[in-house]
Amino acid sequence: MSPTLDRLTAEDPVALVQSCHSALLWILRSHQSKPIPRYWIDYPYGEEEIALLEEELLPALEEFLARTGEIDAVIEAAQEAEVERVQAEMAAERVPA
């Protein structure tokens, strides 16, 4: 992992999941039905294991990222509403009665 990515993911674990999702997609595309080596076991991922990655792991990562996106949108909307409220209060204070 690059030092920049390492720092980012230490502060934002969702970024780590996004990075893993991107890396898995790249691995699956680049191996195109060839076995994927697993360096700590003697057996590479073959068709069956690759199918499991595509059918189970990718959708789980995508669901996680979609849900965190929904949560982020709610937080962003609340922050925007707060900024608008504060700006409206400040504007009301500046208007002479």
C-alpha atoms as a PDB file:
ATOM      1  CA  MET A   1       0.000   0.000   0.000  1.00  0.00           C
ATOM      2  CA  SER A   2       1.345   3.442  -0.858  1.00  0.00           C
ATOM      3  CA  PRO A   3       2.211   5.810   2.008  1.00  0.00           C
ATOM      4  CA  THR A   4      -0.481   8.242   0.846  1.00  0.00           C
ATOM      5  CA  LEU A   5      -3.149   5.533   0.671  1.00  0.00           C
ATOM      6  CA  ASP A   6      -1.977   4.168   3.999  1.00  0.00           C
ATOM      7  CA  ARG A   7      -2.440   7.580   5.661  1.00  0.00           C
ATOM      8  CA  LEU A   8      -5.797   8.121   3.989  1.00  0.00           C
ATOM      9  CA  THR A   9      -7.210   4.738   4.967  1.00  0.00           C
ATOM     10  CA  ALA A  10      -5.957   5.094   8.536  1.00  0.00           C
ATOM     11  CA  GLU A  11      -8.126   8.197   8.786  1.00  0.00           C
ATOM     12  CA  ASP A  12     -10.971   6.966   6.559  1.00  0.00           C
ATOM     13  CA  PRO A  13     -11.629   3.211   6.635  1.00  0.00           C
ATOM     14  CA  VAL A  14     -14.267   3.568   3.902  1.00  0.00           C
ATOM     15  CA  ALA A  15     -11.452   4.666   1.587  1.00  0.00           C
ATOM     16  CA  LEU A  16      -9.788   1.324   2.282  1.00  0.00           C
ATOM     17  CA  VAL A  17     -12.932  -0.529   1.187  1.00  0.00           C
ATOM     18  CA  GLN A  18     -13.107   1.633  -1.948  1.00  0.00           C
ATOM     19  CA  SER A  19      -9.471   0.825  -2.667  1.00  0.00           C
ATOM     20  CA  CYS A  20     -10.070  -2.905  -2.131  1.00  0.00           C
ATOM     21  CA  HIS A  21     -13.093  -2.802  -4.436  1.00  0.00           C
ATOM     22  CA  SER A  22     -11.070  -1.101  -7.175  1.00  0.00           C
ATOM     23  CA  ALA A  23      -8.168  -3.522  -6.729  1.00  0.00           C
ATOM     24  CA  LEU A  24     -10.451  -6.560  -6.861  1.00  0.00           C
ATOM     25  CA  LEU A  25     -12.095  -5.309 -10.047  1.00  0.00           C
ATOM     26  CA  TRP A  26      -8.668  -4.759 -11.587  1.00  0.00           C
ATOM     27  CA  ILE A  27      -7.502  -8.250 -10.558  1.00  0.00           C
ATOM     28  CA  LEU A  28     -10.614  -9.913 -11.960  1.00  0.00           C
ATOM     29  CA  ARG A  29     -10.367  -8.004 -15.249  1.00  0.00           C
ATOM     30  CA  SER A  30      -6.643  -8.514 -15.682  1.00  0.00           C
ATOM     31  CA  HIS A  31      -6.690 -12.270 -15.056  1.00  0.00           C
ATOM     32  CA  GLN A  32      -9.548 -12.944 -17.492  1.00  0.00           C
ATOM     33  CA  SER A  33     -10.382 -16.519 -16.470  1.00  0.00           C
ATOM     34  CA  LYS A  34      -6.766 -17.397 -15.618  1.00  0.00           C
ATOM     35  CA  PRO A  35      -6.051 -18.644 -12.103  1.00  0.00           C
ATOM     36  CA  ILE A  36      -5.286 -15.941  -9.548  1.00  0.00           C
ATOM     37  CA  PRO A  37      -2.204 -16.833  -7.505  1.00  0.00           C
ATOM     38  CA  ARG A  38      -2.499 -16.907  -3.724  1.00  0.00           C
ATOM     39  CA  TYR A  39       1.007 -16.577  -2.332  1.00  0.00           C
ATOM     40  CA  TRP A  40       0.388 -18.011   1.133  1.00  0.00           C
ATOM     41  CA  ILE A  41      -1.298 -21.182  -0.111  1.00  0.00           C
ATOM     42  CA  ASP A  42      -0.252 -23.581  -2.841  1.00  0.00           C
ATOM     43  CA  TYR A  43      -3.593 -23.472  -4.616  1.00  0.00           C
ATOM     44  CA  PRO A  44      -4.513 -20.467  -6.838  1.00  0.00           C
ATOM     45  CA  TYR A  45      -8.055 -19.209  -7.169  1.00  0.00           C
ATOM     46  CA  GLY A  46      -9.577 -21.016 -10.109  1.00  0.00           C
ATOM     47  CA  GLU A  47     -12.917 -20.637 -11.855  1.00  0.00           C
ATOM     48  CA  GLU A  48     -14.977 -21.605  -8.799  1.00  0.00           C
ATOM     49  CA  GLU A  49     -13.216 -19.220  -6.434  1.00  0.00           C
ATOM     50  CA  ILE A  50     -13.248 -16.411  -9.002  1.00  0.00           C
ATOM     51  CA  ALA A  51     -16.993 -16.934  -9.441  1.00  0.00           C
ATOM     52  CA  LEU A  52     -17.430 -16.608  -5.664  1.00  0.00           C
ATOM     53  CA  LEU A  53     -15.483 -13.348  -5.687  1.00  0.00           C
ATOM     54  CA  GLU A  54     -17.657 -12.015  -8.516  1.00  0.00           C
ATOM     55  CA  GLU A  55     -20.972 -13.280  -7.135  1.00  0.00           C
ATOM     56  CA  GLU A  56     -20.478 -12.740  -3.398  1.00  0.00           C
ATOM     57  CA  LEU A  57     -17.605 -10.436  -2.538  1.00  0.00           C
ATOM     58  CA  LEU A  58     -18.045  -7.734  -5.185  1.00  0.00           C
ATOM     59  CA  PRO A  59     -21.775  -7.276  -4.448  1.00  0.00           C
ATOM     60  CA  ALA A  60     -21.045  -7.120  -0.702  1.00  0.00           C
ATOM     61  CA  LEU A  61     -18.402  -4.432  -1.231  1.00  0.00           C
ATOM     62  CA  GLU A  62     -20.729  -2.521  -3.565  1.00  0.00           C
ATOM     63  CA  GLU A  63     -23.590  -2.740  -1.065  1.00  0.00           C
ATOM     64  CA  PHE A  64     -21.301  -1.453   1.691  1.00  0.00           C
ATOM     65  CA  LEU A  65     -20.132   1.453  -0.488  1.00  0.00           C
ATOM     66  CA  ALA A  66     -23.681   2.297  -1.567  1.00  0.00           C
ATOM     67  CA  ARG A  67     -24.882   2.325   2.032  1.00  0.00           C
ATOM     68  CA  THR A  68     -21.991   4.497   3.200  1.00  0.00           C
ATOM     69  CA  GLY A  69     -22.818   6.819   0.289  1.00  0.00           C
ATOM     70  CA  GLU A  70     -26.399   7.079   1.564  1.00  0.00           C
ATOM     71  CA  ILE A  71     -25.186   7.795   5.096  1.00  0.00           C
ATOM     72  CA  ASP A  72     -22.754  10.418   3.773  1.00  0.00           C
ATOM     73  CA  ALA A  73     -25.555  12.094   1.794  1.00  0.00           C
ATOM     74  CA  VAL A  74     -27.677  12.421   4.940  1.00  0.00           C
ATOM     75  CA  ILE A  75     -24.745  13.921   6.840  1.00  0.00           C
ATOM     76  CA  GLU A  76     -23.954  16.332   3.993  1.00  0.00           C
ATOM     77  CA  ALA A  77     -27.596  17.425   3.760  1.00  0.00           C
ATOM     78  CA  ALA A  78     -27.684  18.072   7.518  1.00  0.00           C
ATOM     79  CA  GLN A  79     -24.462  20.075   7.295  1.00  0.00           C
ATOM     80  CA  GLU A  80     -25.805  22.134   4.391  1.00  0.00           C
ATOM     81  CA  ALA A  81     -29.034  22.800   6.275  1.00  0.00           C
ATOM     82  CA  GLU A  82     -27.030  23.943   9.301  1.00  0.00           C
ATOM     83  CA  VAL A  83     -24.914  26.290   7.167  1.00  0.00           C
ATOM     84  CA  GLU A  84     -28.067  27.741   5.600  1.00  0.00           C
ATOM     85  CA  ARG A  85     -29.646  28.180   9.051  1.00  0.00           C
ATOM     86  CA  VAL A  86     -26.572  29.992  10.382  1.00  0.00           C
ATOM     87  CA  GLN A  87     -26.375  32.182   7.279  1.00  0.00           C
ATOM     88  CA  ALA A  88     -30.055  33.057   7.625  1.00  0.00           C
ATOM     89  CA  GLU A  89     -29.548  33.960  11.304  1.00  0.00           C
ATOM     90  CA  MET A  90     -26.555  36.123  10.442  1.00  0.00           C
ATOM     91  CA  ALA A  91     -28.482  37.851   7.664  1.00  0.00           C
ATOM     92  CA  ALA A  92     -31.418  38.483  10.020  1.00  0.00           C
ATOM     93  CA  GLU A  93     -29.075  40.010  12.606  1.00  0.00           C
ATOM     94  CA  ARG A  94     -27.659  42.410   9.985  1.00  0.00           C
ATOM     95  CA  VAL A  95     -31.071  43.688   8.897  1.00  0.00           C
ATOM     96  CA  PRO A  96     -32.006  46.813  10.922  1.00  0.00           C
ATOM     97  CA  ALA A  97     -35.363  46.561  12.643  1.00  0.00           C
END
